[in-house]
Protein backbone atom coordinates (compact mmCIF):
# COMPACT_ATOMS: atom_id res chain seq x y z
CA UNK A 1 2.92 2.66 -11.33
CA UNK A 2 0.52 -0.04 -9.19
CA UNK A 3 1.25 0.04 -5.46
CA UNK A 4 -0.64 -2.16 -2.71
CA UNK A 5 0.06 -3.30 0.43
CA UNK A 6 -1.44 -3.89 4.15
CA UNK A 7 -0.49 -3.56 7.78
CA UNK A 8 -0.21 -5.66 9.95
CA UNK A 9 -1.67 -5.26 13.34
CA UNK A 10 -0.56 -7.91 15.30
CA UNK A 11 2.52 -7.42 17.86
CA UNK A 12 5.46 -9.65 16.73
CA UNK A 13 5.90 -13.10 17.60
CA UNK A 14 2.13 -13.10 18.09
CA UNK A 15 -0.68 -15.44 17.08
CA UNK A 16 -1.81 -12.89 14.94
CA UNK A 17 1.27 -12.51 13.21
CA UNK A 18 1.21 -15.56 11.12
CA UNK A 19 -2.23 -15.38 10.16
CA UNK A 20 -2.82 -11.35 9.07
CA UNK A 21 1.07 -10.14 8.38
CA UNK A 22 1.44 -7.02 6.16
CA UNK A 23 2.71 -7.38 2.67
CA UNK A 24 3.11 -4.93 -0.29
CA UNK A 25 3.66 -5.25 -4.38
CA UNK A 26 4.46 -2.40 -6.55
CA UNK A 27 4.38 -2.29 -10.86
CA UNK A 28 5.09 -0.16 -13.19
CA UNK A 29 3.12 -0.55 -16.15
CA UNK A 30 3.81 0.48 -19.75
CA UNK A 31 4.30 -0.49 -23.24
CA UNK A 32 8.12 0.12 -24.13
CA UNK A 33 10.73 -2.04 -22.73
CA UNK A 34 8.06 -4.63 -21.03
CA UNK A 35 9.60 -7.77 -19.33
CA UNK A 36 6.28 -9.30 -18.87
CA UNK A 37 2.60 -9.10 -19.84
CA UNK A 38 -0.48 -8.75 -18.21
CA UNK A 39 -2.55 -11.10 -19.78
CA UNK A 40 -5.76 -10.91 -17.49
CA UNK A 41 -6.82 -9.64 -14.73
CA UNK A 42 -9.35 -10.34 -11.87
CA UNK A 43 -10.59 -7.95 -8.61
CA UNK A 44 -11.76 -9.50 -5.18
CA UNK A 45 -12.91 -6.95 -2.11
CA UNK A 46 -14.77 -7.61 1.08
CA UNK A 47 -15.53 -5.69 4.26
CA UNK A 48 -13.78 -6.81 6.76
CA UNK A 49 -15.40 -5.55 10.62
CA UNK A 50 -13.38 -7.59 13.01
CA UNK A 51 -10.22 -6.24 15.26
CA UNK A 52 -8.28 -4.06 12.52
CA UNK A 53 -9.20 -0.63 14.29
CA UNK A 54 -7.22 -0.44 17.40
CA UNK A 55 -8.23 2.34 20.28
CA UNK A 56 -9.77 5.23 18.67
CA UNK A 57 -7.15 8.39 18.04
CA UNK A 58 -7.35 11.44 19.72
CA UNK A 59 -8.26 14.53 16.97
CA UNK A 60 -4.62 16.03 16.75
CA UNK A 61 -3.59 12.16 16.47
CA UNK A 62 -5.29 11.57 13.33
CA UNK A 63 -4.53 14.80 12.01
CA UNK A 64 -0.95 13.97 11.97
CA UNK A 65 -1.24 10.33 10.65
CA UNK A 66 -3.29 11.99 7.46
CA UNK A 67 -0.43 14.41 6.98
CA UNK A 68 2.04 12.06 7.41
CA UNK A 69 0.58 9.22 5.02
CA UNK A 70 -0.03 12.50 2.41
CA UNK A 71 3.31 13.51 2.64
CA UNK A 72 4.47 9.85 2.07
CA UNK A 73 1.64 9.22 -0.98
CA UNK A 74 3.00 12.82 -2.43
CA UNK A 75 6.27 11.22 -1.99
CA UNK A 76 5.91 7.93 -3.75
CA UNK A 77 3.77 9.88 -6.61
CA UNK A 78 6.62 12.16 -7.63
CA UNK A 79 8.94 9.10 -7.51
CA UNK A 80 7.35 7.22 -10.06
CA UNK A 81 6.29 9.94 -11.91
CA UNK A 82 10.10 10.40 -12.09
CA UNK A 83 10.58 6.66 -12.59
CA UNK A 84 7.62 6.71 -15.84
CA UNK A 85 9.20 9.80 -17.30
CA UNK A 86 12.58 8.76 -17.66
CA UNK A 87 13.52 7.76 -21.14
CA UNK A 88 15.68 4.21 -21.61
């Protein structure tokens, strides 16, 4: 399973919402029962040093956020493992 996502930093109806909105995609990759084939891939990355970091959180807020994201990741990982291990 491959998952990619981005989060919007602008407030709703802000001009930034139209140029830097949120998005995401997920793909389950395998060899059996395929509906599409990956013929080629391309990767592009860039460092963005801009407005994306908001006011710095306190240490306790940062810890809570790290733990929250870890729980979300573990949940998604376990769901992905269940999906890919099912015999369909």
